Amino acid sequence: MSAPYGTTFASLKQGAEGPWAAYTQHAFVKGLGDGSLPRSAFLHYLVQDYVFLVHFSRAWALAVVKSETIEEMRTCTGTVDALVNHEMALHVKTCAAEGISEAQLYAASEEVENLAYTRYVMDAGLSGDFLDMMAALAPCVMGYGEIGLQLKGGADTYADWINTYAGDDYQQVCRDVGQMIDDAVDLRIGGSPDLSPRWASLQARFTKATELEVGFWEMGLRGA
């Protein structure tokens, strides 16, 4: 099994095969790749995704609190930095060109799909442990990495978005997070996680988060 983002992620993805395909092969994704996605849908998605990333960054900050090793703390703080100071900058730049300020982005009203996903992730962190958080956070981080590589070299229309996630910096974030998750699983439940009583609940969290990603794309398309 090819596992560029770690063996735990690869196993969880395999356990959510149907939802994962619906997420990474969604019509919204295909429209980004071939440039056919309506600009209105893309902008609607970007505004909502900015709000999502605000909460997503808070979730990764909570992961620092849930960490048990300094390596986990370093990776989680590095991910917060990547989100707040790099990924969100793409949204600000693109929306500014359309006359939408960062203040407007931050104050945007959340769609139901956005609320459902962000609160699900935060609940995983508040009610669960570090592994619960990672199972809920991983689909977004690694999914965008996969999608970026999948769409690389496509139409120029959304090249900035695609290159952000296909680029070396983001791909390194995916590899670092994947390695951290592998190490965290080994530390907490051992080298055969699929045999642990915890595995079914971690798989369920990962699968649900993946399904919520599909809903997020649907929300984006509604903006057209």
N, C-alpha and C. Protein backbone atom coordinates (compact mmCIF):
# COMPACT_ATOMS: atom_id res chain seq x y z
N MET A 1 0.84 -1.20 0.00
CA MET A 1 0.00 0.00 0.00
C MET A 1 0.88 1.26 0.00
N SER A 2 0.71 2.13 -0.97
CA SER A 2 1.46 3.39 -0.99
C SER A 2 1.00 4.26 0.16
N ALA A 3 1.98 4.76 0.92
CA ALA A 3 1.62 5.52 2.12
C ALA A 3 2.51 6.75 2.26
N PRO A 4 2.40 7.70 1.33
CA PRO A 4 3.26 8.88 1.40
C PRO A 4 3.01 9.73 2.64
N TYR A 5 1.82 9.61 3.24
CA TYR A 5 1.49 10.38 4.43
C TYR A 5 1.38 9.48 5.67
N GLY A 6 1.99 8.33 5.63
CA GLY A 6 2.01 7.47 6.79
C GLY A 6 1.09 6.26 6.69
N THR A 7 1.42 5.23 7.44
CA THR A 7 0.66 3.98 7.36
C THR A 7 -0.70 4.06 8.06
N THR A 8 -0.78 4.83 9.14
CA THR A 8 -2.07 4.97 9.83
C THR A 8 -3.08 5.65 8.93
N PHE A 9 -2.67 6.75 8.30
CA PHE A 9 -3.56 7.45 7.38
C PHE A 9 -3.99 6.54 6.25
N ALA A 10 -3.04 5.79 5.69
CA ALA A 10 -3.38 4.89 4.58
C ALA A 10 -4.41 3.86 4.99
N SER A 11 -4.29 3.33 6.20
CA SER A 11 -5.25 2.35 6.69
C SER A 11 -6.63 2.97 6.92
N LEU A 12 -6.65 4.17 7.51
CA LEU A 12 -7.92 4.85 7.74
C LEU A 12 -8.60 5.20 6.43
N LYS A 13 -7.82 5.64 5.46
CA LYS A 13 -8.38 5.97 4.15
C LYS A 13 -8.98 4.73 3.48
N GLN A 14 -8.28 3.62 3.58
CA GLN A 14 -8.79 2.38 3.01
C GLN A 14 -10.10 1.97 3.68
N GLY A 15 -10.21 2.25 4.99
CA GLY A 15 -11.43 1.91 5.72
C GLY A 15 -12.60 2.83 5.40
N ALA A 16 -12.32 3.92 4.70
CA ALA A 16 -13.38 4.87 4.31
C ALA A 16 -13.37 5.04 2.79
N GLU A 17 -13.20 3.94 2.08
CA GLU A 17 -12.96 3.98 0.64
C GLU A 17 -14.03 4.74 -0.14
N GLY A 18 -15.30 4.45 0.14
CA GLY A 18 -16.38 5.11 -0.58
C GLY A 18 -16.44 6.61 -0.32
N PRO A 19 -16.54 7.02 0.95
CA PRO A 19 -16.54 8.45 1.25
C PRO A 19 -15.28 9.16 0.76
N TRP A 20 -14.14 8.49 0.83
CA TRP A 20 -12.89 9.14 0.39
C TRP A 20 -12.94 9.42 -1.11
N ALA A 21 -13.45 8.49 -1.89
CA ALA A 21 -13.58 8.71 -3.34
C ALA A 21 -14.57 9.84 -3.61
N ALA A 22 -15.67 9.88 -2.86
CA ALA A 22 -16.65 10.95 -3.04
C ALA A 22 -16.05 12.31 -2.73
N TYR A 23 -15.14 12.35 -1.78
CA TYR A 23 -14.46 13.58 -1.37
C TYR A 23 -13.42 14.03 -2.39
N THR A 24 -12.51 13.14 -2.75
CA THR A 24 -11.39 13.54 -3.60
C THR A 24 -11.73 13.55 -5.09
N GLN A 25 -12.86 12.95 -5.47
CA GLN A 25 -13.27 12.95 -6.87
C GLN A 25 -14.57 13.74 -7.09
N HIS A 26 -14.89 14.61 -6.14
CA HIS A 26 -16.13 15.37 -6.19
C HIS A 26 -16.18 16.29 -7.40
N ALA A 27 -17.38 16.63 -7.84
CA ALA A 27 -17.55 17.53 -8.98
C ALA A 27 -16.87 18.87 -8.74
N PHE A 28 -16.88 19.35 -7.51
CA PHE A 28 -16.20 20.60 -7.18
C PHE A 28 -14.71 20.48 -7.46
N VAL A 29 -14.13 19.36 -7.05
CA VAL A 29 -12.70 19.11 -7.28
C VAL A 29 -12.40 19.03 -8.78
N LYS A 30 -13.21 18.30 -9.50
CA LYS A 30 -13.00 18.18 -10.94
C LYS A 30 -13.12 19.53 -11.63
N GLY A 31 -14.04 20.38 -11.13
CA GLY A 31 -14.19 21.72 -11.70
C GLY A 31 -12.98 22.59 -11.43
N LEU A 32 -12.34 22.41 -10.27
CA LEU A 32 -11.09 23.12 -10.00
C LEU A 32 -10.01 22.68 -10.98
N GLY A 33 -9.97 21.39 -11.25
CA GLY A 33 -8.92 20.85 -12.10
C GLY A 33 -9.01 21.27 -13.55
N ASP A 34 -10.23 21.25 -14.09
CA ASP A 34 -10.37 21.59 -15.51
C ASP A 34 -10.79 23.04 -15.74
N GLY A 35 -10.95 23.79 -14.65
CA GLY A 35 -11.27 25.21 -14.76
C GLY A 35 -12.74 25.52 -15.00
N SER A 36 -13.60 24.49 -14.96
CA SER A 36 -15.01 24.70 -15.26
C SER A 36 -15.83 25.14 -14.06
N LEU A 37 -15.25 25.13 -12.87
CA LEU A 37 -15.99 25.53 -11.67
C LEU A 37 -16.38 27.00 -11.77
N PRO A 38 -17.66 27.33 -11.60
CA PRO A 38 -18.08 28.74 -11.66
C PRO A 38 -17.34 29.58 -10.62
N ARG A 39 -16.94 30.77 -11.01
CA ARG A 39 -16.20 31.64 -10.09
C ARG A 39 -17.02 31.93 -8.83
N SER A 40 -18.32 32.07 -8.98
CA SER A 40 -19.17 32.35 -7.82
C SER A 40 -19.12 31.23 -6.81
N ALA A 41 -19.06 29.98 -7.30
CA ALA A 41 -18.96 28.83 -6.41
C ALA A 41 -17.62 28.82 -5.69
N PHE A 42 -16.57 29.14 -6.43
CA PHE A 42 -15.24 29.16 -5.84
C PHE A 42 -15.13 30.22 -4.75
N LEU A 43 -15.65 31.40 -5.01
CA LEU A 43 -15.58 32.48 -4.03
C LEU A 43 -16.43 32.16 -2.79
N HIS A 44 -17.60 31.58 -3.02
CA HIS A 44 -18.45 31.18 -1.90
C HIS A 44 -17.70 30.18 -1.02
N TYR A 45 -17.07 29.22 -1.67
CA TYR A 45 -16.27 28.23 -0.95
C TYR A 45 -15.12 28.89 -0.20
N LEU A 46 -14.39 29.81 -0.86
CA LEU A 46 -13.24 30.44 -0.22
C LEU A 46 -13.63 31.20 1.04
N VAL A 47 -14.72 31.92 0.97
CA VAL A 47 -15.17 32.68 2.15
C VAL A 47 -15.49 31.71 3.29
N GLN A 48 -16.22 30.66 2.98
CA GLN A 48 -16.56 29.68 4.01
C GLN A 48 -15.32 28.93 4.50
N ASP A 49 -14.39 28.67 3.60
CA ASP A 49 -13.19 27.94 3.99
C ASP A 49 -12.30 28.79 4.88
N TYR A 50 -12.31 30.10 4.68
CA TYR A 50 -11.56 30.97 5.58
C TYR A 50 -12.10 30.84 7.01
N VAL A 51 -13.42 30.89 7.13
CA VAL A 51 -14.04 30.73 8.44
C VAL A 51 -13.72 29.35 9.01
N PHE A 52 -13.78 28.34 8.13
CA PHE A 52 -13.43 26.98 8.56
C PHE A 52 -12.01 26.94 9.11
N LEU A 53 -11.07 27.58 8.41
CA LEU A 53 -9.67 27.53 8.82
C LEU A 53 -9.42 28.24 10.15
N VAL A 54 -10.24 29.24 10.46
CA VAL A 54 -10.14 29.87 11.77
C VAL A 54 -10.39 28.83 12.86
N HIS A 55 -11.47 28.07 12.72
CA HIS A 55 -11.79 27.04 13.71
C HIS A 55 -10.82 25.86 13.64
N PHE A 56 -10.39 25.53 12.43
CA PHE A 56 -9.45 24.44 12.24
C PHE A 56 -8.12 24.76 12.94
N SER A 57 -7.71 26.01 12.86
CA SER A 57 -6.48 26.44 13.54
C SER A 57 -6.64 26.32 15.06
N ARG A 58 -7.81 26.68 15.55
CA ARG A 58 -8.07 26.54 16.99
C ARG A 58 -8.01 25.06 17.41
N ALA A 59 -8.52 24.19 16.54
CA ALA A 59 -8.48 22.76 16.85
C ALA A 59 -7.05 22.26 16.92
N TRP A 60 -6.21 22.71 15.99
CA TRP A 60 -4.81 22.30 16.03
C TRP A 60 -4.10 22.88 17.25
N ALA A 61 -4.50 24.07 17.66
CA ALA A 61 -3.94 24.64 18.90
C ALA A 61 -4.35 23.79 20.10
N LEU A 62 -5.59 23.29 20.09
CA LEU A 62 -6.04 22.40 21.17
C LEU A 62 -5.24 21.11 21.15
N ALA A 63 -4.83 20.67 19.96
CA ALA A 63 -4.02 19.45 19.86
C ALA A 63 -2.69 19.60 20.58
N VAL A 64 -2.18 20.84 20.65
CA VAL A 64 -0.96 21.07 21.43
C VAL A 64 -1.21 20.73 22.89
N VAL A 65 -2.37 21.13 23.39
CA VAL A 65 -2.72 20.84 24.79
C VAL A 65 -2.85 19.33 25.02
N LYS A 66 -3.36 18.62 24.01
CA LYS A 66 -3.57 17.18 24.13
C LYS A 66 -2.29 16.38 23.89
N SER A 67 -1.23 17.03 23.42
CA SER A 67 0.01 16.34 23.08
C SER A 67 0.66 15.71 24.31
N GLU A 68 1.41 14.62 24.07
CA GLU A 68 2.14 13.95 25.14
C GLU A 68 3.65 13.98 24.92
N THR A 69 4.10 14.46 23.76
CA THR A 69 5.53 14.54 23.49
C THR A 69 5.86 15.91 22.91
N ILE A 70 7.13 16.29 23.02
CA ILE A 70 7.55 17.57 22.46
C ILE A 70 7.48 17.54 20.94
N GLU A 71 7.70 16.35 20.34
CA GLU A 71 7.59 16.24 18.88
C GLU A 71 6.16 16.51 18.42
N GLU A 72 5.19 16.00 19.16
CA GLU A 72 3.78 16.27 18.83
C GLU A 72 3.50 17.77 18.94
N MET A 73 4.01 18.40 19.98
CA MET A 73 3.79 19.83 20.16
C MET A 73 4.40 20.62 19.02
N ARG A 74 5.60 20.24 18.59
CA ARG A 74 6.26 20.95 17.49
C ARG A 74 5.48 20.82 16.19
N THR A 75 5.03 19.61 15.89
CA THR A 75 4.29 19.41 14.64
C THR A 75 2.96 20.15 14.66
N CYS A 76 2.26 20.11 15.79
CA CYS A 76 0.97 20.79 15.89
C CYS A 76 1.12 22.30 15.80
N THR A 77 2.13 22.87 16.47
CA THR A 77 2.34 24.31 16.38
C THR A 77 2.77 24.70 14.98
N GLY A 78 3.57 23.84 14.33
CA GLY A 78 3.95 24.11 12.95
C GLY A 78 2.76 24.10 12.01
N THR A 79 1.80 23.24 12.29
CA THR A 79 0.58 23.17 11.47
C THR A 79 -0.27 24.42 11.67
N VAL A 80 -0.37 24.88 12.91
CA VAL A 80 -1.09 26.13 13.17
C VAL A 80 -0.45 27.28 12.39
N ASP A 81 0.87 27.33 12.39
CA ASP A 81 1.58 28.38 11.64
C ASP A 81 1.28 28.27 10.15
N ALA A 82 1.31 27.05 9.60
CA ALA A 82 1.04 26.86 8.18
C ALA A 82 -0.37 27.31 7.82
N LEU A 83 -1.32 27.04 8.71
CA LEU A 83 -2.71 27.42 8.45
C LEU A 83 -2.91 28.93 8.53
N VAL A 84 -2.46 29.52 9.63
CA VAL A 84 -2.75 30.93 9.90
C VAL A 84 -1.92 31.87 9.02
N ASN A 85 -0.66 31.53 8.83
CA ASN A 85 0.24 32.46 8.15
C ASN A 85 0.50 32.15 6.68
N HIS A 86 0.00 31.01 6.19
CA HIS A 86 0.27 30.65 4.81
C HIS A 86 -1.01 30.28 4.05
N GLU A 87 -1.70 29.22 4.51
CA GLU A 87 -2.88 28.77 3.78
C GLU A 87 -3.96 29.85 3.74
N MET A 88 -4.22 30.50 4.86
CA MET A 88 -5.26 31.52 4.90
C MET A 88 -4.89 32.74 4.06
N ALA A 89 -3.59 32.94 3.84
CA ALA A 89 -3.14 34.07 3.03
C ALA A 89 -3.64 33.96 1.59
N LEU A 90 -3.74 32.73 1.09
CA LEU A 90 -4.27 32.51 -0.27
C LEU A 90 -5.70 33.00 -0.35
N HIS A 91 -6.50 32.69 0.66
CA HIS A 91 -7.90 33.11 0.68
C HIS A 91 -7.99 34.64 0.71
N VAL A 92 -7.17 35.26 1.55
CA VAL A 92 -7.19 36.72 1.68
C VAL A 92 -6.81 37.37 0.36
N LYS A 93 -5.75 36.88 -0.28
CA LYS A 93 -5.27 37.45 -1.55
C LYS A 93 -6.33 37.31 -2.65
N THR A 94 -6.88 36.12 -2.79
CA THR A 94 -7.86 35.88 -3.86
C THR A 94 -9.12 36.71 -3.65
N CYS A 95 -9.61 36.74 -2.42
CA CYS A 95 -10.84 37.47 -2.13
C CYS A 95 -10.63 38.98 -2.22
N ALA A 96 -9.44 39.46 -1.85
CA ALA A 96 -9.15 40.89 -1.96
C ALA A 96 -9.26 41.35 -3.39
N ALA A 97 -8.84 40.51 -4.33
CA ALA A 97 -8.94 40.85 -5.75
C ALA A 97 -10.38 40.96 -6.22
N GLU A 98 -11.30 40.36 -5.45
CA GLU A 98 -12.72 40.41 -5.76
C GLU A 98 -13.46 41.44 -4.90
N GLY A 99 -12.70 42.23 -4.14
CA GLY A 99 -13.30 43.28 -3.33
C GLY A 99 -13.81 42.82 -1.98
N ILE A 100 -13.34 41.64 -1.53
CA ILE A 100 -13.76 41.11 -0.24
C ILE A 100 -12.59 41.24 0.73
N SER A 101 -12.75 42.01 1.78
CA SER A 101 -11.66 42.26 2.73
C SER A 101 -11.51 41.11 3.71
N GLU A 102 -10.36 41.07 4.41
CA GLU A 102 -10.16 40.03 5.41
C GLU A 102 -11.14 40.19 6.57
N ALA A 103 -11.47 41.43 6.89
CA ALA A 103 -12.45 41.66 7.96
C ALA A 103 -13.80 41.06 7.58
N GLN A 104 -14.17 41.18 6.31
CA GLN A 104 -15.42 40.59 5.84
C GLN A 104 -15.36 39.06 5.88
N LEU A 105 -14.20 38.51 5.55
CA LEU A 105 -14.02 37.06 5.61
C LEU A 105 -14.22 36.55 7.03
N TYR A 106 -13.56 37.23 7.96
CA TYR A 106 -13.61 36.79 9.36
C TYR A 106 -15.02 36.89 9.92
N ALA A 107 -15.78 37.87 9.44
CA ALA A 107 -17.13 38.10 9.97
C ALA A 107 -18.22 37.36 9.20
N ALA A 108 -17.84 36.60 8.20
CA ALA A 108 -18.83 35.91 7.35
C ALA A 108 -19.69 34.96 8.17
N SER A 109 -20.96 34.89 7.83
CA SER A 109 -21.87 33.96 8.49
C SER A 109 -21.59 32.54 8.02
N GLU A 110 -21.53 31.61 8.95
CA GLU A 110 -21.20 30.23 8.61
C GLU A 110 -22.40 29.48 8.03
N GLU A 111 -22.14 28.74 6.96
CA GLU A 111 -23.15 27.84 6.42
C GLU A 111 -23.29 26.63 7.37
N VAL A 112 -24.42 25.96 7.25
CA VAL A 112 -24.70 24.82 8.13
C VAL A 112 -23.61 23.75 8.00
N GLU A 113 -23.17 23.47 6.78
CA GLU A 113 -22.15 22.45 6.57
C GLU A 113 -20.83 22.82 7.25
N ASN A 114 -20.55 24.11 7.28
CA ASN A 114 -19.35 24.60 7.93
C ASN A 114 -19.45 24.42 9.45
N LEU A 115 -20.58 24.81 9.98
CA LEU A 115 -20.82 24.63 11.41
C LEU A 115 -20.70 23.16 11.82
N ALA A 116 -21.32 22.30 11.03
CA ALA A 116 -21.32 20.87 11.36
C ALA A 116 -19.89 20.32 11.41
N TYR A 117 -19.10 20.68 10.42
CA TYR A 117 -17.75 20.13 10.32
C TYR A 117 -16.83 20.69 11.41
N THR A 118 -16.80 22.00 11.56
CA THR A 118 -15.88 22.59 12.53
C THR A 118 -16.22 22.18 13.96
N ARG A 119 -17.49 22.12 14.28
CA ARG A 119 -17.87 21.73 15.64
C ARG A 119 -17.63 20.25 15.87
N TYR A 120 -17.75 19.45 14.83
CA TYR A 120 -17.44 18.02 14.97
C TYR A 120 -15.97 17.83 15.33
N VAL A 121 -15.11 18.57 14.65
CA VAL A 121 -13.68 18.47 14.92
C VAL A 121 -13.36 18.95 16.33
N MET A 122 -13.94 20.08 16.74
CA MET A 122 -13.68 20.59 18.08
C MET A 122 -14.20 19.63 19.14
N ASP A 123 -15.35 19.02 18.89
CA ASP A 123 -15.90 18.07 19.84
C ASP A 123 -14.99 16.85 20.00
N ALA A 124 -14.38 16.43 18.89
CA ALA A 124 -13.44 15.31 18.97
C ALA A 124 -12.30 15.63 19.91
N GLY A 125 -11.85 16.88 19.87
CA GLY A 125 -10.77 17.29 20.75
C GLY A 125 -11.19 17.50 22.19
N LEU A 126 -12.37 18.05 22.38
CA LEU A 126 -12.83 18.34 23.74
C LEU A 126 -13.27 17.09 24.48
N SER A 127 -13.88 16.16 23.76
CA SER A 127 -14.40 14.96 24.42
C SER A 127 -13.46 13.77 24.34
N GLY A 128 -12.50 13.83 23.40
CA GLY A 128 -11.59 12.71 23.21
C GLY A 128 -10.15 13.05 23.55
N ASP A 129 -9.24 12.19 23.10
CA ASP A 129 -7.83 12.41 23.34
C ASP A 129 -7.12 12.81 22.05
N PHE A 130 -5.81 12.78 22.06
CA PHE A 130 -5.02 13.22 20.91
C PHE A 130 -5.35 12.40 19.65
N LEU A 131 -5.51 11.10 19.81
CA LEU A 131 -5.81 10.26 18.64
C LEU A 131 -7.19 10.56 18.07
N ASP A 132 -8.15 10.83 18.93
CA ASP A 132 -9.48 11.22 18.44
C ASP A 132 -9.38 12.49 17.59
N MET A 133 -8.57 13.44 18.07
CA MET A 133 -8.39 14.69 17.32
C MET A 133 -7.77 14.42 15.96
N MET A 134 -6.72 13.61 15.94
CA MET A 134 -6.01 13.35 14.68
C MET A 134 -6.90 12.63 13.67
N ALA A 135 -7.73 11.72 14.16
CA ALA A 135 -8.64 11.01 13.25
C ALA A 135 -9.63 11.97 12.60
N ALA A 136 -10.04 12.99 13.34
CA ALA A 136 -10.98 13.98 12.81
C ALA A 136 -10.30 15.04 11.95
N LEU A 137 -9.03 15.34 12.23
CA LEU A 137 -8.32 16.38 11.52
C LEU A 137 -7.66 15.89 10.23
N ALA A 138 -7.27 14.63 10.19
CA ALA A 138 -6.49 14.10 9.08
C ALA A 138 -7.15 14.20 7.71
N PRO A 139 -8.46 13.95 7.57
CA PRO A 139 -9.04 14.00 6.23
C PRO A 139 -8.85 15.35 5.53
N CYS A 140 -8.94 16.43 6.26
CA CYS A 140 -8.75 17.74 5.65
C CYS A 140 -7.30 17.94 5.24
N VAL A 141 -6.38 17.70 6.16
CA VAL A 141 -4.96 17.94 5.88
C VAL A 141 -4.48 17.09 4.71
N MET A 142 -4.63 15.79 4.83
CA MET A 142 -4.10 14.90 3.80
C MET A 142 -4.95 14.88 2.54
N GLY A 143 -6.25 15.07 2.70
CA GLY A 143 -7.11 15.09 1.52
C GLY A 143 -6.75 16.21 0.57
N TYR A 144 -6.49 17.40 1.11
CA TYR A 144 -6.10 18.52 0.27
C TYR A 144 -4.72 18.27 -0.36
N GLY A 145 -3.85 17.58 0.37
CA GLY A 145 -2.56 17.22 -0.21
C GLY A 145 -2.73 16.30 -1.40
N GLU A 146 -3.57 15.29 -1.25
CA GLU A 146 -3.85 14.36 -2.36
C GLU A 146 -4.48 15.08 -3.54
N ILE A 147 -5.46 15.92 -3.25
CA ILE A 147 -6.17 16.63 -4.32
C ILE A 147 -5.22 17.57 -5.05
N GLY A 148 -4.35 18.27 -4.30
CA GLY A 148 -3.39 19.16 -4.94
C GLY A 148 -2.51 18.43 -5.93
N LEU A 149 -1.97 17.27 -5.54
CA LEU A 149 -1.12 16.49 -6.44
C LEU A 149 -1.93 15.94 -7.62
N GLN A 150 -3.15 15.55 -7.35
CA GLN A 150 -4.04 15.00 -8.37
C GLN A 150 -4.34 16.03 -9.47
N LEU A 151 -4.49 17.30 -9.08
CA LEU A 151 -4.88 18.35 -10.03
C LEU A 151 -3.68 19.11 -10.61
N LYS A 152 -2.50 18.85 -10.10
CA LYS A 152 -1.31 19.58 -10.54
C LYS A 152 -1.12 19.46 -12.05
N GLY A 153 -0.86 20.61 -12.68
CA GLY A 153 -0.66 20.62 -14.12
C GLY A 153 -1.93 20.76 -14.93
N GLY A 154 -3.07 21.00 -14.25
CA GLY A 154 -4.34 21.16 -14.95
C GLY A 154 -4.52 22.56 -15.50
N ALA A 155 -5.77 22.96 -15.64
CA ALA A 155 -6.09 24.28 -16.19
C ALA A 155 -5.52 25.39 -15.29
N ASP A 156 -5.27 26.55 -15.91
CA ASP A 156 -4.66 27.67 -15.18
C ASP A 156 -5.65 28.42 -14.29
N THR A 157 -6.95 28.23 -14.51
CA THR A 157 -7.96 29.04 -13.84
C THR A 157 -7.79 29.07 -12.33
N TYR A 158 -7.56 27.93 -11.74
CA TYR A 158 -7.42 27.84 -10.28
C TYR A 158 -6.03 27.33 -9.89
N ALA A 159 -5.04 27.71 -10.70
CA ALA A 159 -3.67 27.22 -10.50
C ALA A 159 -3.10 27.65 -9.15
N ASP A 160 -3.42 28.87 -8.68
CA ASP A 160 -2.89 29.31 -7.39
C ASP A 160 -3.36 28.40 -6.26
N TRP A 161 -4.64 28.05 -6.30
CA TRP A 161 -5.20 27.15 -5.28
C TRP A 161 -4.53 25.79 -5.37
N ILE A 162 -4.47 25.25 -6.57
CA ILE A 162 -3.89 23.91 -6.76
C ILE A 162 -2.43 23.88 -6.33
N ASN A 163 -1.67 24.88 -6.73
CA ASN A 163 -0.23 24.88 -6.43
C ASN A 163 0.05 25.06 -4.94
N THR A 164 -0.87 25.71 -4.23
CA THR A 164 -0.71 25.83 -2.78
C THR A 164 -0.66 24.45 -2.13
N TYR A 165 -1.56 23.57 -2.55
CA TYR A 165 -1.65 22.25 -1.93
C TYR A 165 -0.73 21.21 -2.57
N ALA A 166 -0.35 21.43 -3.81
CA ALA A 166 0.59 20.53 -4.48
C ALA A 166 2.04 20.90 -4.17
N GLY A 167 2.25 22.11 -3.64
CA GLY A 167 3.59 22.62 -3.41
C GLY A 167 4.36 21.88 -2.32
N ASP A 168 5.67 22.05 -2.34
CA ASP A 168 6.54 21.34 -1.42
C ASP A 168 6.22 21.65 0.05
N ASP A 169 5.90 22.91 0.35
CA ASP A 169 5.64 23.29 1.75
C ASP A 169 4.44 22.54 2.30
N TYR A 170 3.34 22.52 1.55
CA TYR A 170 2.14 21.85 2.05
C TYR A 170 2.34 20.34 2.07
N GLN A 171 3.01 19.81 1.06
CA GLN A 171 3.25 18.37 1.04
C GLN A 171 4.11 17.94 2.23
N GLN A 172 5.03 18.80 2.64
CA GLN A 172 5.84 18.48 3.82
C GLN A 172 4.99 18.49 5.08
N VAL A 173 4.03 19.42 5.16
CA VAL A 173 3.11 19.42 6.29
C VAL A 173 2.37 18.08 6.36
N CYS A 174 1.90 17.58 5.21
CA CYS A 174 1.18 16.31 5.18
C CYS A 174 2.07 15.16 5.64
N ARG A 175 3.31 15.15 5.18
CA ARG A 175 4.24 14.08 5.59
C ARG A 175 4.55 14.16 7.08
N ASP A 176 4.76 15.38 7.57
CA ASP A 176 5.06 15.55 8.99
C ASP A 176 3.90 15.12 9.88
N VAL A 177 2.68 15.52 9.48
CA VAL A 177 1.50 15.14 10.26
C VAL A 177 1.30 13.63 10.20
N GLY A 178 1.50 13.05 9.02
CA GLY A 178 1.35 11.60 8.89
C GLY A 178 2.33 10.84 9.76
N GLN A 179 3.58 11.29 9.81
CA GLN A 179 4.58 10.64 10.66
C GLN A 179 4.23 10.81 12.13
N MET A 180 3.76 12.01 12.49
CA MET A 180 3.37 12.26 13.87
C MET A 180 2.23 11.33 14.28
N ILE A 181 1.24 11.15 13.40
CA ILE A 181 0.12 10.26 13.73
C ILE A 181 0.60 8.83 13.89
N ASP A 182 1.49 8.37 13.01
CA ASP A 182 2.04 7.02 13.16
C ASP A 182 2.72 6.87 14.52
N ASP A 183 3.53 7.84 14.89
CA ASP A 183 4.25 7.77 16.17
C ASP A 183 3.28 7.83 17.35
N ALA A 184 2.24 8.67 17.22
CA ALA A 184 1.26 8.81 18.30
C ALA A 184 0.48 7.52 18.50
N VAL A 185 0.12 6.86 17.41
CA VAL A 185 -0.59 5.58 17.50
C VAL A 185 0.31 4.53 18.15
N ASP A 186 1.56 4.47 17.72
CA ASP A 186 2.49 3.49 18.28
C ASP A 186 2.69 3.71 19.77
N LEU A 187 2.77 4.97 20.19
CA LEU A 187 2.96 5.30 21.60
C LEU A 187 1.77 4.90 22.45
N ARG A 188 0.57 5.12 21.92
CA ARG A 188 -0.65 4.97 22.73
C ARG A 188 -1.31 3.59 22.63
N ILE A 189 -1.29 2.99 21.43
CA ILE A 189 -2.01 1.70 21.28
C ILE A 189 -1.17 0.62 20.62
N GLY A 190 0.12 0.89 20.37
CA GLY A 190 1.01 -0.15 19.89
C GLY A 190 1.12 -0.26 18.38
N GLY A 191 1.93 -1.22 17.97
CA GLY A 191 2.28 -1.36 16.56
C GLY A 191 1.26 -2.06 15.69
N SER A 192 0.20 -2.57 16.26
CA SER A 192 -0.87 -3.20 15.46
C SER A 192 -2.20 -2.53 15.81
N PRO A 193 -2.36 -1.28 15.42
CA PRO A 193 -3.53 -0.50 15.86
C PRO A 193 -4.86 -1.09 15.43
N ASP A 194 -4.88 -1.77 14.27
CA ASP A 194 -6.14 -2.33 13.79
C ASP A 194 -6.64 -3.46 14.69
N LEU A 195 -5.77 -3.96 15.58
CA LEU A 195 -6.18 -5.00 16.52
C LEU A 195 -6.63 -4.42 17.86
N SER A 196 -6.50 -3.10 18.01
CA SER A 196 -6.85 -2.45 19.26
C SER A 196 -8.35 -2.16 19.33
N PRO A 197 -8.93 -2.22 20.52
CA PRO A 197 -10.35 -1.84 20.67
C PRO A 197 -10.60 -0.39 20.25
N ARG A 198 -9.55 0.44 20.24
CA ARG A 198 -9.70 1.83 19.85
C ARG A 198 -9.92 2.02 18.36
N TRP A 199 -9.49 1.07 17.55
CA TRP A 199 -9.42 1.29 16.12
C TRP A 199 -10.78 1.61 15.50
N ALA A 200 -11.80 0.88 15.90
CA ALA A 200 -13.13 1.09 15.30
C ALA A 200 -13.62 2.51 15.53
N SER A 201 -13.40 3.05 16.72
CA SER A 201 -13.86 4.41 17.00
C SER A 201 -13.03 5.44 16.23
N LEU A 202 -11.74 5.19 16.08
CA LEU A 202 -10.90 6.11 15.30
C LEU A 202 -11.32 6.08 13.82
N GLN A 203 -11.60 4.89 13.33
CA GLN A 203 -12.07 4.78 11.94
C GLN A 203 -13.39 5.52 11.75
N ALA A 204 -14.28 5.39 12.72
CA ALA A 204 -15.58 6.06 12.62
C ALA A 204 -15.40 7.58 12.60
N ARG A 205 -14.49 8.09 13.40
CA ARG A 205 -14.24 9.54 13.40
C ARG A 205 -13.68 9.99 12.06
N PHE A 206 -12.73 9.25 11.55
CA PHE A 206 -12.11 9.59 10.27
C PHE A 206 -13.15 9.56 9.14
N THR A 207 -13.96 8.53 9.13
CA THR A 207 -14.98 8.39 8.08
C THR A 207 -16.00 9.51 8.15
N LYS A 208 -16.45 9.85 9.34
CA LYS A 208 -17.42 10.93 9.48
C LYS A 208 -16.84 12.26 9.03
N ALA A 209 -15.59 12.54 9.39
CA ALA A 209 -14.96 13.78 8.95
C ALA A 209 -14.84 13.83 7.43
N THR A 210 -14.57 12.68 6.82
CA THR A 210 -14.50 12.61 5.36
C THR A 210 -15.86 12.91 4.74
N GLU A 211 -16.91 12.37 5.32
CA GLU A 211 -18.27 12.64 4.83
C GLU A 211 -18.61 14.13 4.96
N LEU A 212 -18.13 14.75 6.03
CA LEU A 212 -18.37 16.17 6.21
C LEU A 212 -17.60 17.01 5.20
N GLU A 213 -16.47 16.50 4.73
CA GLU A 213 -15.74 17.17 3.65
C GLU A 213 -16.56 17.14 2.36
N VAL A 214 -17.22 16.04 2.10
CA VAL A 214 -18.09 15.95 0.92
C VAL A 214 -19.19 17.01 1.01
N GLY A 215 -19.77 17.14 2.20
CA GLY A 215 -20.80 18.16 2.40
C GLY A 215 -20.26 19.56 2.18
N PHE A 216 -19.00 19.78 2.52
CA PHE A 216 -18.40 21.10 2.33
C PHE A 216 -18.30 21.43 0.84
N TRP A 217 -17.91 20.47 0.01
CA TRP A 217 -17.89 20.69 -1.44
C TRP A 217 -19.29 20.99 -1.96
N GLU A 218 -20.28 20.24 -1.47
CA GLU A 218 -21.66 20.48 -1.89
C GLU A 218 -22.08 21.90 -1.56
N MET A 219 -21.70 22.36 -0.39
CA MET A 219 -21.98 23.73 0.03
C MET A 219 -21.33 24.71 -0.93
N GLY A 220 -20.10 24.40 -1.34
CA GLY A 220 -19.42 25.28 -2.30
C GLY A 220 -20.14 25.37 -3.63
N LEU A 221 -20.58 24.24 -4.12
CA LEU A 221 -21.31 24.23 -5.41
C LEU A 221 -22.60 25.03 -5.32
N ARG A 222 -23.21 25.02 -4.15
CA ARG A 222 -24.46 25.77 -3.97
C ARG A 222 -24.24 27.26 -4.20
N GLY A 223 -23.01 27.72 -4.02
CA GLY A 223 -22.70 29.13 -4.23
C GLY A 223 -22.83 29.57 -5.67
N ALA A 224 -22.89 28.60 -6.59
CA ALA A 224 -23.04 28.96 -8.01
C ALA A 224 -24.45 29.39 -8.32
